[in-house]
Amino acid sequence: MTENILDELAWRGALNQITDEAGLRKLTDEKQVGIYVGTDPTGDSLHVGHLIPFMMLKRFQLMGHKPVILIGGGTGSIGDPSGRNSERILQTMETINHNKEKLTAQMERLFGRNNFRIVDNYTWLSKLSMLDFLRDYGKLFPVNQMLAKEVVASRLENGISYTEFTYQILQSIDFLQLFKHEDVQVQLGGADQWGNITAGIDLIHKVQGADAKVYGLTNPLMLKADGTKFGKSAGGAVWLDPEKTSPYEFYQFWFNQDDADVEKFLKFFTFLSKAEIAALVAATKTHPEKRAAQRRLAQEVTKFVHGQAAVDQAEAISAALFSGDVQDLTAAEIEQGFKQFPDTTAPKTPENIVTWLVDTTKIESSRRQAREDVQNGAITINGEKQRDLDFVVDPASHFDGQFVIVRRGKKKYFLVRVQN
């Protein structure tokens, strides 16, 4: 007998709340279910924190169910009150449409172009008049129940506008619309969406009848072993857009996860089997210094988001940095891999190595120190160790004339950007 999707999600630690587990289990055993996740186009890229419900949605897709992604051109124009203590800044429709295009491209990268649908709630919400909204839907939402929803209750002390207060009604209309016209019976979201999801189920039951088979489930808040929220790096958010977070930086984010978190993240963010994950966890306990589990985690998630070529590129950059053999890297790979190192600028003019290290780039503090480091073999220029005090640095000789890579000692790198 095929394993139920809920058993798979439970083993992976991906289930938080379910409105009716027995009913949803029966439904998913009987048919391929339409299930949706919504996201508002408040930005032009998702980050790894946003990825959490979409990983769950992908699992539904892989088990034959029918994923629907709602990009909220309508709700995104007013703002979701969840998770904040202040009003969201309203965006222009031009910005919203730009963000929708970018998010659509990201979703197509994750889910392919077949066997899933993208919808925009602006299509139906924009057609609602104020009178229709109040008459057809406002009457069905008791204010006392709306106030009791955690997402609203948490905002009452600091204040919440009527605009954001009505967000749960609009999201409920979305669920009703998708139930009636897109054969969607399940809504999936983060733990903070529970109130909005249950409000949608209540609306469907009031409009379509109490026997309407609709369900909601949420994923848990993702925390690291130290209690901090998952999804941030030292540089801020880790984006899915390669222009905001390079594939190399993305790979390194996953590779640098703590041993205490790697099993959880392997279960949640990869499609590896129980046996594969168990073997990786065992290898981490036996030889933690090899970071086999973290490397596989980085490979799998980077491949899912950016493709195998990005994995190969990230690992080539990592290997070059470790060995110092940077000669074969491209200028684009240099741009990705050396962001975390000190950088400076230098003109294209060829110059004596000592003068260049001291006066031009300020990498060395004095001529005496520069001469000593060169003679001792501590200075490597573009992957080649230089011991000759008469060596001339030619900034145009490598990496399309854009960069010079200096390594002092074994680990201290400097990125020199060549000025045109």
Protein backbone atom coordinates (compact mmCIF):
# COMPACT_ATOMS: atom_id res chain seq x y z
CA MET A 1 0.00 0.00 0.00
CA THR A 2 1.33 3.43 -0.93
CA GLU A 3 2.32 5.61 2.03
CA ASN A 4 -0.04 8.50 2.69
CA ILE A 5 1.40 11.96 2.12
CA LEU A 6 0.61 12.88 5.73
CA ASP A 7 2.85 10.06 7.00
CA GLU A 8 5.65 11.35 4.78
CA LEU A 9 5.19 14.90 6.07
CA ALA A 10 5.01 13.75 9.70
CA TRP A 11 8.28 11.83 9.42
CA ARG A 12 9.94 14.87 7.92
CA GLY A 13 8.75 17.09 10.79
CA ALA A 14 6.66 19.17 8.41
CA LEU A 15 3.25 19.02 10.09
CA ASN A 16 2.02 21.52 12.65
CA GLN A 17 -1.78 21.77 12.59
CA ILE A 18 -4.44 19.96 10.53
CA THR A 19 -8.11 20.88 10.60
CA ASP A 20 -9.32 17.27 10.17
CA GLU A 21 -6.52 14.74 9.88
CA ALA A 22 -8.77 11.69 9.43
CA GLY A 23 -10.78 13.41 6.71
CA LEU A 24 -7.70 14.68 4.87
CA ARG A 25 -6.01 11.30 5.12
CA LYS A 26 -9.06 9.61 3.60
CA LEU A 27 -9.33 12.23 0.85
CA THR A 28 -5.67 11.96 -0.17
CA ASP A 29 -5.94 8.16 -0.24
CA GLU A 30 -8.98 8.33 -2.54
CA LYS A 31 -7.97 10.96 -5.12
CA GLN A 32 -5.38 13.36 -6.44
CA VAL A 33 -6.13 16.46 -4.42
CA GLY A 34 -5.91 20.09 -5.45
CA ILE A 35 -3.86 21.95 -2.83
CA TYR A 36 -2.69 25.55 -2.80
CA VAL A 37 -0.15 27.82 -1.17
CA GLY A 38 -0.45 31.59 -1.44
CA THR A 39 2.24 34.23 -1.47
CA ASP A 40 1.89 37.97 -1.87
CA PRO A 41 4.20 39.85 -4.29
CA THR A 42 5.57 42.17 -1.61
CA GLY A 43 9.07 41.60 -3.00
CA ASP A 44 10.61 40.42 -6.25
CA SER A 45 12.12 37.26 -4.75
CA LEU A 46 11.37 34.61 -2.17
CA HIS A 47 13.98 33.73 0.45
CA VAL A 48 14.72 30.38 2.10
CA GLY A 49 12.21 31.07 4.87
CA HIS A 50 9.46 31.34 2.24
CA LEU A 51 10.65 28.05 0.79
CA ILE A 52 9.24 26.05 3.74
CA PRO A 53 5.57 25.65 2.62
CA PHE A 54 6.64 25.28 -1.00
CA MET A 55 8.80 22.27 -0.08
CA MET A 56 5.65 20.69 1.36
CA LEU A 57 3.69 21.59 -1.77
CA LYS A 58 6.41 20.01 -3.92
CA ARG A 59 6.03 16.76 -1.98
CA PHE A 60 2.31 16.75 -2.78
CA GLN A 61 3.20 17.24 -6.45
CA LEU A 62 5.71 14.36 -6.41
CA MET A 63 3.07 12.06 -4.92
CA GLY A 64 0.64 12.82 -7.73
CA HIS A 65 -1.45 15.60 -6.22
CA LYS A 66 -2.28 18.87 -7.99
CA PRO A 67 -0.46 21.94 -6.66
CA VAL A 68 -1.81 25.45 -7.20
CA ILE A 69 0.22 28.54 -6.35
CA LEU A 70 -1.68 31.74 -5.71
CA ILE A 71 0.34 34.91 -6.24
CA GLY A 72 -1.72 37.59 -4.53
CA GLY A 73 -1.85 40.55 -6.85
CA GLY A 74 -5.03 41.57 -5.03
CA THR A 75 -4.13 40.85 -1.41
CA GLY A 76 -0.58 42.06 -2.05
CA SER A 77 -1.95 45.52 -2.81
CA ILE A 78 -3.32 45.91 0.74
CA GLY A 79 -0.93 43.93 2.95
CA ASP A 80 -1.06 40.91 5.23
CA PRO A 81 -0.98 41.86 8.94
CA SER A 82 0.74 38.68 10.09
CA GLY A 83 4.11 38.73 11.80
CA ARG A 84 4.47 42.51 12.14
CA ASN A 85 3.58 45.24 14.59
CA SER A 86 3.07 47.97 12.01
CA GLU A 87 1.19 48.59 8.80
CA ARG A 88 2.70 47.35 5.57
CA ILE A 89 3.76 50.11 3.17
CA LEU A 90 1.44 50.02 0.16
CA GLN A 91 3.07 49.38 -3.20
CA THR A 92 2.19 50.68 -6.63
CA MET A 93 0.50 48.28 -9.05
CA GLU A 94 3.53 48.65 -11.32
CA THR A 95 5.76 47.27 -8.56
CA ILE A 96 3.29 44.52 -7.73
CA ASN A 97 3.11 43.42 -11.37
CA HIS A 98 6.91 43.41 -11.63
CA ASN A 99 7.14 41.28 -8.48
CA LYS A 100 4.48 38.89 -9.79
CA GLU A 101 6.53 38.26 -12.93
CA LYS A 102 9.68 37.54 -10.93
CA LEU A 103 7.90 35.23 -8.47
CA THR A 104 6.16 33.39 -11.30
CA ALA A 105 9.55 32.64 -12.87
CA GLN A 106 10.85 31.32 -9.53
CA MET A 107 7.83 29.07 -9.07
CA GLU A 108 8.16 27.67 -12.58
CA ARG A 109 11.79 26.88 -11.80
CA LEU A 110 10.76 24.90 -8.69
CA PHE A 111 7.62 23.19 -10.01
CA GLY A 112 8.17 22.96 -13.77
CA ARG A 113 5.66 24.13 -16.34
CA ASN A 114 3.42 21.07 -16.23
CA ASN A 115 1.12 19.56 -13.60
CA PHE A 116 0.75 22.73 -11.60
CA ARG A 117 -1.07 26.03 -11.93
CA ILE A 118 -0.36 29.62 -10.98
CA VAL A 119 -3.31 31.91 -10.32
CA ASP A 120 -3.60 35.56 -9.33
CA ASN A 121 -6.34 36.65 -6.92
CA TYR A 122 -6.42 40.09 -8.53
CA THR A 123 -8.45 38.33 -11.25
CA TRP A 124 -11.48 37.95 -8.98
CA LEU A 125 -10.89 40.36 -6.10
CA SER A 126 -10.61 43.34 -8.46
CA LYS A 127 -14.13 42.63 -9.71
CA LEU A 128 -15.73 42.90 -6.26
CA SER A 129 -17.57 46.14 -5.56
CA MET A 130 -17.68 47.49 -2.02
CA LEU A 131 -21.39 46.67 -1.82
CA ASP A 132 -20.82 43.10 -3.05
CA PHE A 133 -17.98 42.66 -0.57
CA LEU A 134 -20.07 43.81 2.40
CA ARG A 135 -23.31 42.10 1.33
CA ASP A 136 -21.98 38.75 0.12
CA TYR A 137 -19.07 38.26 2.49
CA GLY A 138 -19.00 40.84 5.29
CA LYS A 139 -22.24 39.45 6.70
CA LEU A 140 -20.64 36.02 7.11
CA PHE A 141 -17.74 37.17 9.31
CA PRO A 142 -18.60 37.92 12.96
CA VAL A 143 -16.31 40.68 14.21
CA ASN A 144 -15.78 38.99 17.57
CA GLN A 145 -14.40 35.91 15.80
CA MET A 146 -12.16 38.01 13.56
CA LEU A 147 -10.77 39.84 16.59
CA ALA A 148 -10.00 36.52 18.28
CA LYS A 149 -7.73 35.37 15.44
CA GLU A 150 -4.15 35.47 16.67
CA VAL A 151 -2.96 37.38 13.63
CA VAL A 152 -5.35 40.23 14.50
CA ALA A 153 -5.28 39.95 18.29
CA SER A 154 -1.51 40.43 18.32
CA ARG A 155 -1.94 43.78 16.58
CA LEU A 156 -4.73 45.30 18.65
CA GLU A 157 -2.47 46.95 21.23
CA ASN A 158 -0.52 48.90 18.60
CA GLY A 159 -3.47 49.29 16.27
CA ILE A 160 -4.51 47.77 12.97
CA SER A 161 -6.20 49.47 10.04
CA TYR A 162 -9.51 48.31 8.63
CA THR A 163 -7.63 47.51 5.43
CA GLU A 164 -5.37 44.92 7.03
CA PHE A 165 -8.18 43.78 9.34
CA THR A 166 -10.13 42.63 6.27
CA TYR A 167 -7.22 40.59 4.90
CA GLN A 168 -8.58 37.36 6.37
CA ILE A 169 -11.86 37.91 4.51
CA LEU A 170 -10.04 38.33 1.21
CA GLN A 171 -7.93 35.24 1.78
CA SER A 172 -11.11 33.33 2.65
CA ILE A 173 -12.64 34.46 -0.63
CA ASP A 174 -9.54 33.09 -2.37
CA PHE A 175 -10.09 29.64 -0.86
CA LEU A 176 -13.77 29.72 -1.82
CA GLN A 177 -12.91 30.77 -5.37
CA LEU A 178 -10.33 28.02 -5.78
CA PHE A 179 -12.68 25.43 -4.27
CA LYS A 180 -15.49 26.36 -6.66
CA HIS A 181 -13.52 26.88 -9.86
CA GLU A 182 -10.11 25.15 -9.55
CA ASP A 183 -11.00 21.92 -7.69
CA VAL A 184 -8.86 22.92 -4.72
CA GLN A 185 -9.79 21.31 -1.40
CA VAL A 186 -6.71 21.98 0.73
CA GLN A 187 -4.87 25.12 1.77
CA LEU A 188 -1.32 24.91 3.06
CA GLY A 189 0.62 27.64 4.83
CA GLY A 190 2.93 28.65 7.63
CA ALA A 191 1.89 28.43 11.28
CA ASP A 192 1.00 32.15 11.24
CA GLN A 193 -1.63 31.48 8.55
CA TRP A 194 -3.77 29.15 10.68
CA GLY A 195 -6.38 31.80 11.47
CA ASN A 196 -6.74 32.82 7.83
CA ILE A 197 -6.95 29.18 6.68
CA THR A 198 -9.67 28.25 9.18
CA ALA A 199 -11.59 31.43 8.29
CA GLY A 200 -11.59 30.27 4.67
CA ILE A 201 -12.88 26.83 5.61
CA ASP A 202 -15.67 28.43 7.67
CA LEU A 203 -16.66 30.61 4.70
CA ILE A 204 -16.78 27.62 2.33
CA HIS A 205 -18.96 25.69 4.77
CA LYS A 206 -21.35 28.64 5.08
CA VAL A 207 -21.60 29.17 1.32
CA GLN A 208 -21.29 25.64 -0.05
CA GLY A 209 -22.68 23.64 2.86
CA ALA A 210 -21.29 22.05 6.00
CA ASP A 211 -20.48 18.81 4.16
CA ALA A 212 -18.02 20.52 1.76
CA LYS A 213 -14.75 18.60 1.99
CA VAL A 214 -12.11 21.27 2.57
CA TYR A 215 -9.05 21.10 4.77
CA GLY A 216 -6.16 23.15 6.03
CA LEU A 217 -2.72 22.31 7.32
CA THR A 218 0.28 24.31 8.42
CA ASN A 219 3.98 23.70 8.75
CA PRO A 220 5.73 24.41 12.07
CA LEU A 221 7.86 27.46 12.70
CA MET A 222 11.35 26.44 11.65
CA LEU A 223 13.85 26.99 14.46
CA LYS A 224 17.50 26.06 14.68
CA ALA A 225 18.86 24.00 17.57
CA ASP A 226 19.97 27.17 19.38
CA GLY A 227 16.41 28.51 19.32
CA THR A 228 17.00 31.17 16.67
CA LYS A 229 14.77 31.52 13.61
CA PHE A 230 15.87 29.66 10.51
CA GLY A 231 16.61 31.51 7.28
CA LYS A 232 19.06 34.27 8.08
CA SER A 233 22.79 34.49 7.43
CA ALA A 234 25.35 37.03 8.60
CA GLY A 235 24.57 39.06 5.49
CA GLY A 236 20.80 39.02 5.99
CA ALA A 237 18.15 37.07 4.09
CA VAL A 238 19.21 34.19 1.83
CA TRP A 239 17.31 34.80 -1.41
CA LEU A 240 16.29 32.40 -4.15
CA ASP A 241 17.14 35.03 -6.76
CA PRO A 242 20.76 34.38 -7.87
CA GLU A 243 21.23 38.12 -8.39
CA LYS A 244 20.52 38.75 -4.70
CA THR A 245 22.23 35.67 -3.25
CA SER A 246 24.69 34.01 -5.60
CA PRO A 247 24.48 30.21 -6.03
CA TYR A 248 27.85 29.94 -4.29
CA GLU A 249 26.59 31.91 -1.27
CA PHE A 250 23.39 29.87 -1.33
CA TYR A 251 25.41 26.63 -1.33
CA GLN A 252 27.60 27.88 1.52
CA PHE A 253 24.55 28.81 3.62
CA TRP A 254 23.46 25.16 3.63
CA PHE A 255 26.98 23.75 3.90
CA ASN A 256 27.61 25.81 7.05
CA GLN A 257 24.60 24.49 8.98
CA ASP A 258 25.32 23.11 12.44
CA ASP A 259 25.59 19.37 13.09
CA ALA A 260 22.66 19.70 15.48
CA ASP A 261 20.40 20.97 12.67
CA VAL A 262 21.50 19.00 9.66
CA GLU A 263 19.23 15.98 10.15
CA LYS A 264 16.17 18.20 10.50
CA PHE A 265 17.08 20.17 7.39
CA LEU A 266 17.85 17.04 5.36
CA LYS A 267 14.38 15.75 6.17
CA PHE A 268 12.64 19.00 5.42
CA PHE A 269 14.55 20.51 2.51
CA THR A 270 15.61 17.46 0.48
CA PHE A 271 13.85 14.58 -1.22
CA LEU A 272 16.32 11.98 0.02
CA SER A 273 14.98 8.71 1.40
CA LYS A 274 14.94 7.65 5.04
CA ALA A 275 17.85 5.29 4.41
CA GLU A 276 19.96 7.96 2.68
CA ILE A 277 19.37 10.47 5.47
CA ALA A 278 20.08 7.87 8.17
CA ALA A 279 23.42 7.06 6.51
CA LEU A 280 24.37 10.73 6.33
CA VAL A 281 23.45 11.32 9.97
CA ALA A 282 25.53 8.30 11.00
CA ALA A 283 28.48 9.58 8.96
CA THR A 284 28.24 12.96 10.69
CA LYS A 285 28.38 11.31 14.12
CA THR A 286 31.38 9.17 13.13
CA HIS A 287 33.33 11.76 11.12
CA PRO A 288 31.85 15.22 11.79
CA GLU A 289 34.92 16.93 10.33
CA LYS A 290 34.05 15.63 6.84
CA ARG A 291 30.66 17.39 6.89
CA ALA A 292 29.19 14.78 4.56
CA ALA A 293 25.61 15.55 5.61
CA GLN A 294 26.04 19.30 5.18
CA ARG A 295 27.65 18.82 1.77
CA ARG A 296 24.76 16.66 0.58
CA LEU A 297 22.25 19.13 2.01
CA ALA A 298 23.94 21.97 0.12
CA GLN A 299 24.04 19.93 -3.08
CA GLU A 300 20.39 18.91 -2.94
CA VAL A 301 18.86 22.28 -2.08
CA THR A 302 21.10 24.21 -4.49
CA LYS A 303 20.20 21.76 -7.25
CA PHE A 304 16.47 22.13 -6.48
CA VAL A 305 16.58 25.92 -6.57
CA HIS A 306 19.33 26.66 -9.14
CA GLY A 307 20.10 23.43 -11.00
CA GLN A 308 23.06 21.03 -11.18
CA ALA A 309 25.30 23.49 -13.03
CA ALA A 310 25.09 25.85 -10.05
CA VAL A 311 26.13 23.02 -7.71
CA ASP A 312 29.13 22.21 -9.89
CA GLN A 313 30.12 25.88 -10.01
CA ALA A 314 29.76 26.35 -6.24
CA GLU A 315 31.89 23.30 -5.54
CA ALA A 316 34.54 24.40 -8.04
CA ILE A 317 34.78 27.78 -6.28
CA SER A 318 34.97 26.07 -2.87
CA ALA A 319 37.74 23.73 -4.03
CA ALA A 320 39.72 26.61 -5.54
CA LEU A 321 39.48 28.65 -2.35
CA PHE A 322 40.59 25.70 -0.24
CA SER A 323 43.54 24.78 -2.44
CA GLY A 324 44.50 28.24 -3.64
CA ASP A 325 44.34 27.09 -7.27
CA VAL A 326 42.21 29.94 -8.51
CA GLN A 327 43.65 30.24 -12.03
CA ASP A 328 40.85 28.30 -13.72
CA LEU A 329 38.00 30.28 -12.16
CA THR A 330 36.06 32.62 -14.41
CA ALA A 331 35.52 36.29 -13.64
CA ALA A 332 31.87 35.48 -12.79
CA GLU A 333 33.00 32.79 -10.34
CA ILE A 334 35.46 35.22 -8.78
CA GLU A 335 32.60 37.68 -8.30
CA GLN A 336 30.56 35.00 -6.51
CA GLY A 337 33.24 33.39 -4.40
CA PHE A 338 35.20 36.35 -3.08
CA LYS A 339 32.43 38.57 -1.73
CA GLN A 340 33.28 37.69 1.86
CA PHE A 341 36.93 38.71 1.57
CA PRO A 342 38.46 42.19 1.93
CA ASP A 343 38.54 44.02 -1.36
CA THR A 344 40.25 47.04 -2.80
CA THR A 345 40.86 48.62 -6.19
CA ALA A 346 43.88 49.13 -8.43
CA PRO A 347 44.50 50.69 -11.87
CA LYS A 348 45.31 48.56 -14.91
CA THR A 349 48.90 49.82 -14.96
CA PRO A 350 51.52 47.05 -14.40
CA GLU A 351 53.58 47.73 -11.27
CA ASN A 352 56.37 46.26 -9.15
CA ILE A 353 54.96 43.76 -6.64
CA VAL A 354 56.26 45.54 -3.52
CA THR A 355 55.03 48.97 -4.58
CA TRP A 356 51.71 47.47 -5.70
CA LEU A 357 51.16 45.64 -2.39
CA VAL A 358 52.00 48.67 -0.25
CA ASP A 359 51.12 51.87 -2.09
CA THR A 360 48.47 50.79 -4.58
CA THR A 361 46.38 48.19 -2.76
CA LYS A 362 47.40 48.73 0.90
CA ILE A 363 47.46 44.94 1.35
CA GLU A 364 50.84 45.23 3.06
CA SER A 365 51.55 47.80 5.77
CA SER A 366 55.18 48.55 4.82
CA ARG A 367 57.79 47.86 2.18
CA ARG A 368 59.86 45.94 4.70
CA GLN A 369 56.91 43.64 5.48
CA ALA A 370 56.06 43.28 1.78
CA ARG A 371 59.62 42.31 0.84
CA GLU A 372 59.79 39.84 3.72
CA ASP A 373 56.46 38.18 2.78
CA VAL A 374 57.41 37.92 -0.89
CA GLN A 375 60.84 36.43 -0.17
CA ASN A 376 59.32 33.95 2.32
CA GLY A 377 56.80 32.71 -0.26
CA ALA A 378 53.82 34.07 1.66
CA ILE A 379 52.38 36.03 -1.31
CA THR A 380 50.42 34.36 -4.09
CA ILE A 381 49.15 36.39 -7.05
CA ASN A 382 46.33 34.82 -9.08
CA GLY A 383 47.19 31.36 -7.78
CA GLU A 384 50.95 31.58 -8.39
CA LYS A 385 53.44 32.02 -5.55
CA GLN A 386 55.77 34.98 -6.12
CA ARG A 387 59.23 35.15 -4.49
CA ASP A 388 60.87 37.58 -6.91
CA LEU A 389 61.08 41.15 -5.59
CA ASP A 390 61.31 42.35 -9.20
CA PHE A 391 58.05 40.65 -10.24
CA VAL A 392 55.63 42.98 -12.03
CA VAL A 393 51.93 42.62 -11.27
CA ASP A 394 49.92 42.97 -14.49
CA PRO A 395 46.26 43.49 -13.47
CA ALA A 396 45.05 42.79 -17.01
CA SER A 397 46.63 39.33 -17.22
CA HIS A 398 43.89 37.23 -15.60
CA PHE A 399 40.12 37.02 -15.14
CA ASP A 400 39.27 39.16 -18.17
CA GLY A 401 41.31 42.00 -16.69
CA GLN A 402 38.67 42.51 -13.98
CA PHE A 403 40.33 41.10 -10.85
CA VAL A 404 43.59 40.24 -9.16
CA ILE A 405 43.44 37.60 -6.42
CA VAL A 406 46.04 37.92 -3.68
CA ARG A 407 46.58 35.31 -1.00
CA ARG A 408 48.80 36.13 1.95
CA GLY A 409 49.73 33.07 3.95
CA LYS A 410 47.41 30.06 3.71
CA LYS A 411 43.99 31.60 4.28
CA LYS A 412 44.08 35.39 3.94
CA TYR A 413 42.58 36.36 0.58
CA PHE A 414 42.17 39.81 -0.95
CA LEU A 415 40.09 40.70 -3.97
CA VAL A 416 41.52 43.53 -6.04
CA ARG A 417 39.08 45.03 -8.52
CA VAL A 418 40.80 46.45 -11.58
CA GLN A 419 39.72 49.96 -12.52
CA ASN A 420 39.09 50.70 -16.19
